[in-house]
Amino acid sequence: MKTYIQYARRSTAKQETSIFYQHAFIESHPITSRMKCIGKYDDVISGTKVIGRDYLDYIYKFCKKNIG
C-alpha cells in the first residue's frame, strides 16, 4: 500500500479550525483515500515567512531519505 504524509499550515493561531478542514480534505481526496497516512503535521507560520517551517523541513528530509 502506498503511503503519504499530511502537512497543513495556518497563518495564525486563530485559524485552528482551518487545520481540521485541510486534513479532512486531504483524507477525502480520491488519491489519498486509497493510501495509508503515516503522519500528520501542521505549522502556524505566516504566509510571508519561508524560513523555519520545522515540520515541512522534517518531512522533506524524511522523504528524501526514504525514497521508494
PDB file of N, CA and C in Angstrom:
ATOM      1  N   MET A   1       0.844  -1.184   0.000  1.00  0.00           N
ATOM      2  CA  MET A   1       0.000   0.000   0.000  1.00  0.00           C
ATOM      3  C   MET A   1       0.882   1.239   0.000  1.00  0.00           C
ATOM      4  N   LYS A   2       0.522   2.199  -0.825  1.00  0.00           N
ATOM      5  CA  LYS A   2       1.267   3.453  -0.858  1.00  0.00           C
ATOM      6  C   LYS A   2       0.972   4.263   0.402  1.00  0.00           C
ATOM      7  N   THR A   3       1.945   5.075   0.765  1.00  0.00           N
ATOM      8  CA  THR A   3       1.803   5.894   1.970  1.00  0.00           C
ATOM      9  C   THR A   3       1.973   7.376   1.624  1.00  0.00           C
ATOM     10  N   TYR A   4       1.508   8.208   2.527  1.00  0.00           N
ATOM     11  CA  TYR A   4       1.674   9.641   2.376  1.00  0.00           C
ATOM     12  C   TYR A   4       1.756  10.301   3.744  1.00  0.00           C
ATOM     13  N   ILE A   5       2.241  11.536   3.745  1.00  0.00           N
ATOM     14  CA  ILE A   5       2.331  12.348   4.959  1.00  0.00           C
ATOM     15  C   ILE A   5       1.500  13.605   4.730  1.00  0.00           C
ATOM     16  N   GLN A   6       0.650  13.917   5.696  1.00  0.00           N
ATOM     17  CA  GLN A   6      -0.159  15.132   5.596  1.00  0.00           C
ATOM     18  C   GLN A   6       0.589  16.307   6.212  1.00  0.00           C
ATOM     19  N   TYR A   7       0.504  17.441   5.533  1.00  0.00           N
ATOM     20  CA  TYR A   7       1.066  18.681   6.077  1.00  0.00           C
ATOM     21  C   TYR A   7       0.074  19.803   5.812  1.00  0.00           C
ATOM     22  N   ALA A   8      -0.252  20.537   6.846  1.00  0.00           N
ATOM     23  CA  ALA A   8      -1.154  21.673   6.715  1.00  0.00           C
ATOM     24  C   ALA A   8      -0.523  22.876   7.420  1.00  0.00           C
ATOM     25  N   ARG A   9      -0.895  24.061   6.955  1.00  0.00           N
ATOM     26  CA  ARG A   9      -0.331  25.276   7.526  1.00  0.00           C
ATOM     27  C   ARG A   9      -1.445  26.279   7.765  1.00  0.00           C
ATOM     28  N   ARG A  10      -1.352  26.951   8.888  1.00  0.00           N
ATOM     29  CA  ARG A  10      -2.268  28.055   9.153  1.00  0.00           C
ATOM     30  C   ARG A  10      -1.443  29.294   9.457  1.00  0.00           C
ATOM     31  N   SER A  11      -1.976  30.435   9.091  1.00  0.00           N
ATOM     32  CA  SER A  11      -1.222  31.678   9.250  1.00  0.00           C
ATOM     33  C   SER A  11      -1.234  32.200  10.680  1.00  0.00           C
ATOM     34  N   THR A  12      -2.329  31.967  11.376  1.00  0.00           N
ATOM     35  CA  THR A  12      -2.433  32.471  12.749  1.00  0.00           C
ATOM     36  C   THR A  12      -3.031  31.400  13.641  1.00  0.00           C
ATOM     37  N   ALA A  13      -2.805  31.547  14.927  1.00  0.00           N
ATOM     38  CA  ALA A  13      -3.361  30.592  15.891  1.00  0.00           C
ATOM     39  C   ALA A  13      -4.887  30.629  15.892  1.00  0.00           C
ATOM     40  N   LYS A  14      -5.474  31.731  15.472  1.00  0.00           N
ATOM     41  CA  LYS A  14      -6.933  31.859  15.440  1.00  0.00           C
ATOM     42  C   LYS A  14      -7.569  30.976  14.367  1.00  0.00           C
ATOM     43  N   GLN A  15      -6.795  30.499  13.432  1.00  0.00           N
ATOM     44  CA  GLN A  15      -7.321  29.687  12.343  1.00  0.00           C
ATOM     45  C   GLN A  15      -7.244  28.192  12.648  1.00  0.00           C
ATOM     46  N   GLU A  16      -7.400  27.833  13.888  1.00  0.00           N
ATOM     47  CA  GLU A  16      -7.288  26.434  14.319  1.00  0.00           C
ATOM     48  C   GLU A  16      -8.208  25.514  13.535  1.00  0.00           C
ATOM     49  N   THR A  17      -9.437  25.939  13.263  1.00  0.00           N
ATOM     50  CA  THR A  17     -10.373  25.053  12.560  1.00  0.00           C
ATOM     51  C   THR A  17      -9.959  24.819  11.116  1.00  0.00           C
ATOM     52  N   SER A  18      -9.183  25.722  10.531  1.00  0.00           N
ATOM     53  CA  SER A  18      -8.774  25.511   9.141  1.00  0.00           C
ATOM     54  C   SER A  18      -7.897  24.269   9.011  1.00  0.00           C
ATOM     55  N   ILE A  19      -7.140  23.948  10.047  1.00  0.00           N
ATOM     56  CA  ILE A  19      -6.309  22.737  10.019  1.00  0.00           C
ATOM     57  C   ILE A  19      -7.191  21.500   9.912  1.00  0.00           C
ATOM     58  N   PHE A  20      -8.265  21.467  10.677  1.00  0.00           N
ATOM     59  CA  PHE A  20      -9.198  20.339  10.629  1.00  0.00           C
ATOM     60  C   PHE A  20      -9.712  20.136   9.205  1.00  0.00           C
ATOM     61  N   TYR A  21     -10.143  21.230   8.561  1.00  0.00           N
ATOM     62  CA  TYR A  21     -10.689  21.125   7.210  1.00  0.00           C
ATOM     63  C   TYR A  21      -9.625  20.770   6.185  1.00  0.00           C
ATOM     64  N   GLN A  22      -8.415  21.259   6.357  1.00  0.00           N
ATOM     65  CA  GLN A  22      -7.342  20.899   5.434  1.00  0.00           C
ATOM     66  C   GLN A  22      -7.047  19.396   5.512  1.00  0.00           C
ATOM     67  N   HIS A  23      -6.936  18.881   6.739  1.00  0.00           N
ATOM     68  CA  HIS A  23      -6.678  17.442   6.893  1.00  0.00           C
ATOM     69  C   HIS A  23      -7.852  16.612   6.377  1.00  0.00           C
ATOM     70  N   ALA A  24      -9.075  17.058   6.632  1.00  0.00           N
ATOM     71  CA  ALA A  24     -10.258  16.328   6.156  1.00  0.00           C
ATOM     72  C   ALA A  24     -10.288  16.292   4.632  1.00  0.00           C
ATOM     73  N   PHE A  25      -9.934  17.393   3.995  1.00  0.00           N
ATOM     74  CA  PHE A  25      -9.905  17.434   2.538  1.00  0.00           C
ATOM     75  C   PHE A  25      -8.855  16.476   1.988  1.00  0.00           C
ATOM     76  N   ILE A  26      -7.679  16.488   2.592  1.00  0.00           N
ATOM     77  CA  ILE A  26      -6.606  15.588   2.142  1.00  0.00           C
ATOM     78  C   ILE A  26      -7.052  14.131   2.269  1.00  0.00           C
ATOM     79  N   GLU A  27      -7.650  13.780   3.410  1.00  0.00           N
ATOM     80  CA  GLU A  27      -8.077  12.394   3.648  1.00  0.00           C
ATOM     81  C   GLU A  27      -9.179  11.949   2.701  1.00  0.00           C
ATOM     82  N   SER A  28     -10.035  12.874   2.274  1.00  0.00           N
ATOM     83  CA  SER A  28     -11.161  12.501   1.420  1.00  0.00           C
ATOM     84  C   SER A  28     -10.829  12.581  -0.069  1.00  0.00           C
ATOM     85  N   HIS A  29      -9.654  13.047  -0.408  1.00  0.00           N
ATOM     86  CA  HIS A  29      -9.264  13.145  -1.818  1.00  0.00           C
ATOM     87  C   HIS A  29      -9.223  11.747  -2.420  1.00  0.00           C
ATOM     88  N   PRO A  30      -9.680  11.598  -3.669  1.00  0.00           N
ATOM     89  CA  PRO A  30      -9.723  10.262  -4.296  1.00  0.00           C
ATOM     90  C   PRO A  30      -8.383   9.515  -4.311  1.00  0.00           C
ATOM     91  N   ILE A  31      -7.291  10.218  -4.437  1.00  0.00           N
ATOM     92  CA  ILE A  31      -5.986   9.547  -4.472  1.00  0.00           C
ATOM     93  C   ILE A  31      -5.558   9.127  -3.071  1.00  0.00           C
ATOM     94  N   THR A  32      -5.589  10.041  -2.119  1.00  0.00           N
ATOM     95  CA  THR A  32      -5.098   9.714  -0.780  1.00  0.00           C
ATOM     96  C   THR A  32      -6.059   8.818  -0.009  1.00  0.00           C
ATOM     97  N   SER A  33      -7.315   8.776  -0.398  1.00  0.00           N
ATOM     98  CA  SER A  33      -8.265   7.910   0.313  1.00  0.00           C
ATOM     99  C   SER A  33      -7.921   6.434   0.147  1.00  0.00           C
ATOM    100  N   ARG A  34      -7.115   6.102  -0.863  1.00  0.00           N
ATOM    101  CA  ARG A  34      -6.687   4.718  -1.083  1.00  0.00           C
ATOM    102  C   ARG A  34      -5.286   4.464  -0.520  1.00  0.00           C
ATOM    103  N   MET A  35      -4.744   5.434   0.195  1.00  0.00           N
ATOM    104  CA  MET A  35      -3.383   5.330   0.714  1.00  0.00           C
ATOM    105  C   MET A  35      -3.399   5.329   2.241  1.00  0.00           C
ATOM    106  N   LYS A  36      -2.270   4.974   2.829  1.00  0.00           N
ATOM    107  CA  LYS A  36      -2.136   4.958   4.280  1.00  0.00           C
ATOM    108  C   LYS A  36      -1.380   6.210   4.731  1.00  0.00           C
ATOM    109  N   CYS A  37      -1.980   6.961   5.629  1.00  0.00           N
ATOM    110  CA  CYS A  37      -1.330   8.152   6.179  1.00  0.00           C
ATOM    111  C   CYS A  37      -0.346   7.714   7.264  1.00  0.00           C
ATOM    112  N   ILE A  38       0.915   8.121   7.129  1.00  0.00           N
ATOM    113  CA  ILE A  38       1.919   7.730   8.120  1.00  0.00           C
ATOM    114  C   ILE A  38       2.310   8.892   9.033  1.00  0.00           C
ATOM    115  N   GLY A  39       1.650  10.031   8.882  1.00  0.00           N
ATOM    116  CA  GLY A  39       1.924  11.155   9.775  1.00  0.00           C
ATOM    117  C   GLY A  39       1.118  12.381   9.402  1.00  0.00           C
ATOM    118  N   LYS A  40       0.726  13.146  10.416  1.00  0.00           N
ATOM    119  CA  LYS A  40       0.009  14.408  10.223  1.00  0.00           C
ATOM    120  C   LYS A  40       0.790  15.499  10.933  1.00  0.00           C
ATOM    121  N   TYR A  41       1.072  16.550  10.213  1.00  0.00           N
ATOM    122  CA  TYR A  41       1.834  17.661  10.782  1.00  0.00           C
ATOM    123  C   TYR A  41       1.187  18.967  10.367  1.00  0.00           C
ATOM    124  N   ASP A  42       1.296  19.958  11.228  1.00  0.00           N
ATOM    125  CA  ASP A  42       0.850  21.291  10.851  1.00  0.00           C
ATOM    126  C   ASP A  42       1.700  22.346  11.556  1.00  0.00           C
ATOM    127  N   ASP A  43       1.847  23.457  10.875  1.00  0.00           N
ATOM    128  CA  ASP A  43       2.630  24.577  11.381  1.00  0.00           C
ATOM    129  C   ASP A  43       1.760  25.820  11.457  1.00  0.00           C
ATOM    130  N   VAL A  44       2.082  26.701  12.386  1.00  0.00           N
ATOM    131  CA  VAL A  44       1.476  28.025  12.470  1.00  0.00           C
ATOM    132  C   VAL A  44       2.549  28.996  12.009  1.00  0.00           C
ATOM    133  N   ILE A  45       2.511  29.317  10.727  1.00  0.00           N
ATOM    134  CA  ILE A  45       3.529  30.160  10.122  1.00  0.00           C
ATOM    135  C   ILE A  45       2.842  31.170   9.210  1.00  0.00           C
ATOM    136  N   SER A  46       3.243  32.400   9.298  1.00  0.00           N
ATOM    137  CA  SER A  46       2.725  33.424   8.409  1.00  0.00           C
ATOM    138  C   SER A  46       3.081  33.065   6.972  1.00  0.00           C
ATOM    139  N   GLY A  47       2.190  33.393   6.049  1.00  0.00           N
ATOM    140  CA  GLY A  47       2.429  33.099   4.648  1.00  0.00           C
ATOM    141  C   GLY A  47       3.634  33.810   4.073  1.00  0.00           C
ATOM    142  N   THR A  48       4.083  34.884   4.724  1.00  0.00           N
ATOM    143  CA  THR A  48       5.233  35.625   4.195  1.00  0.00           C
ATOM    144  C   THR A  48       6.557  35.051   4.670  1.00  0.00           C
ATOM    145  N   LYS A  49       6.525  34.195   5.671  1.00  0.00           N
ATOM    146  CA  LYS A  49       7.753  33.595   6.182  1.00  0.00           C
ATOM    147  C   LYS A  49       8.021  32.283   5.470  1.00  0.00           C
ATOM    148  N   VAL A  50       9.193  32.117   4.941  1.00  0.00           N
ATOM    149  CA  VAL A  50       9.524  30.867   4.249  1.00  0.00           C
ATOM    150  C   VAL A  50      10.659  30.129   4.944  1.00  0.00           C
ATOM    151  N   ILE A  51      11.189  30.692   5.998  1.00  0.00           N
ATOM    152  CA  ILE A  51      12.288  30.067   6.733  1.00  0.00           C
ATOM    153  C   ILE A  51      11.750  29.563   8.066  1.00  0.00           C
ATOM    154  N   GLY A  52      12.177  28.387   8.458  1.00  0.00           N
ATOM    155  CA  GLY A  52      11.823  27.886   9.774  1.00  0.00           C
ATOM    156  C   GLY A  52      10.526  27.120   9.866  1.00  0.00           C
ATOM    157  N   ARG A  53      10.105  26.490   8.803  1.00  0.00           N
ATOM    158  CA  ARG A  53       8.927  25.624   8.868  1.00  0.00           C
ATOM    159  C   ARG A  53       9.423  24.249   9.287  1.00  0.00           C
ATOM    160  N   ASP A  54       9.507  24.057  10.593  1.00  0.00           N
ATOM    161  CA  ASP A  54      10.150  22.872  11.154  1.00  0.00           C
ATOM    162  C   ASP A  54       9.576  21.559  10.636  1.00  0.00           C
ATOM    163  N   TYR A  55       8.259  21.431  10.654  1.00  0.00           N
ATOM    164  CA  TYR A  55       7.661  20.169  10.217  1.00  0.00           C
ATOM    165  C   TYR A  55       7.842  19.962   8.723  1.00  0.00           C
ATOM    166  N   LEU A  56       7.721  21.009   7.931  1.00  0.00           N
ATOM    167  CA  LEU A  56       7.913  20.869   6.491  1.00  0.00           C
ATOM    168  C   LEU A  56       9.349  20.463   6.180  1.00  0.00           C
ATOM    169  N   ASP A  57      10.297  21.049   6.882  1.00  0.00           N
ATOM    170  CA  ASP A  57      11.700  20.662   6.707  1.00  0.00           C
ATOM    171  C   ASP A  57      11.916  19.198   7.093  1.00  0.00           C
ATOM    172  N   TYR A  58      11.302  18.775   8.199  1.00  0.00           N
ATOM    173  CA  TYR A  58      11.423  17.382   8.652  1.00  0.00           C
ATOM    174  C   TYR A  58      10.853  16.421   7.610  1.00  0.00           C
ATOM    175  N   ILE A  59       9.670  16.738   7.085  1.00  0.00           N
ATOM    176  CA  ILE A  59       9.025  15.875   6.097  1.00  0.00           C
ATOM    177  C   ILE A  59       9.872  15.784   4.832  1.00  0.00           C
ATOM    178  N   TYR A  60      10.393  16.906   4.401  1.00  0.00           N
ATOM    179  CA  TYR A  60      11.241  16.912   3.200  1.00  0.00           C
ATOM    180  C   TYR A  60      12.454  16.000   3.392  1.00  0.00           C
ATOM    181  N   LYS A  61      13.122  16.133   4.523  1.00  0.00           N
ATOM    182  CA  LYS A  61      14.302  15.307   4.783  1.00  0.00           C
ATOM    183  C   LYS A  61      13.930  13.831   4.901  1.00  0.00           C
ATOM    184  N   PHE A  62      12.806  13.544   5.557  1.00  0.00           N
ATOM    185  CA  PHE A  62      12.339  12.172   5.706  1.00  0.00           C
ATOM    186  C   PHE A  62      12.076  11.540   4.336  1.00  0.00           C
ATOM    187  N   CYS A  63      11.373  12.274   3.471  1.00  0.00           N
ATOM    188  CA  CYS A  63      11.053  11.737   2.149  1.00  0.00           C
ATOM    189  C   CYS A  63      12.295  11.563   1.292  1.00  0.00           C
ATOM    190  N   LYS A  64      13.208  12.495   1.388  1.00  0.00           N
ATOM    191  CA  LYS A  64      14.436  12.396   0.606  1.00  0.00           C
ATOM    192  C   LYS A  64      15.241  11.169   1.023  1.00  0.00           C
ATOM    193  N   LYS A  65      15.246  10.874   2.325  1.00  0.00           N
ATOM    194  CA  LYS A  65      15.982   9.727   2.848  1.00  0.00           C
ATOM    195  C   LYS A  65      15.288   8.407   2.545  1.00  0.00           C
ATOM    196  N   ASN A  66      13.958   8.425   2.459  1.00  0.00           N
ATOM    197  CA  ASN A  66      13.166   7.195   2.295  1.00  0.00           C
ATOM    198  C   ASN A  66      12.483   7.122   0.931  1.00  0.00           C
ATOM    199  N   ILE A  67      13.199   7.435  -0.108  1.00  0.00           N
ATOM    200  CA  ILE A  67      12.630   7.389  -1.453  1.00  0.00           C
ATOM    201  C   ILE A  67      12.246   5.958  -1.801  1.00  0.00           C
ATOM    202  N   GLY A  68      11.103   5.819  -2.436  1.00  0.00           N
ATOM    203  CA  GLY A  68      10.698   4.498  -2.904  1.00  0.00           C
ATOM    204  C   GLY A  68       9.445   4.103  -2.281  1.00  0.00           C
TER     205      GLY A  68
END
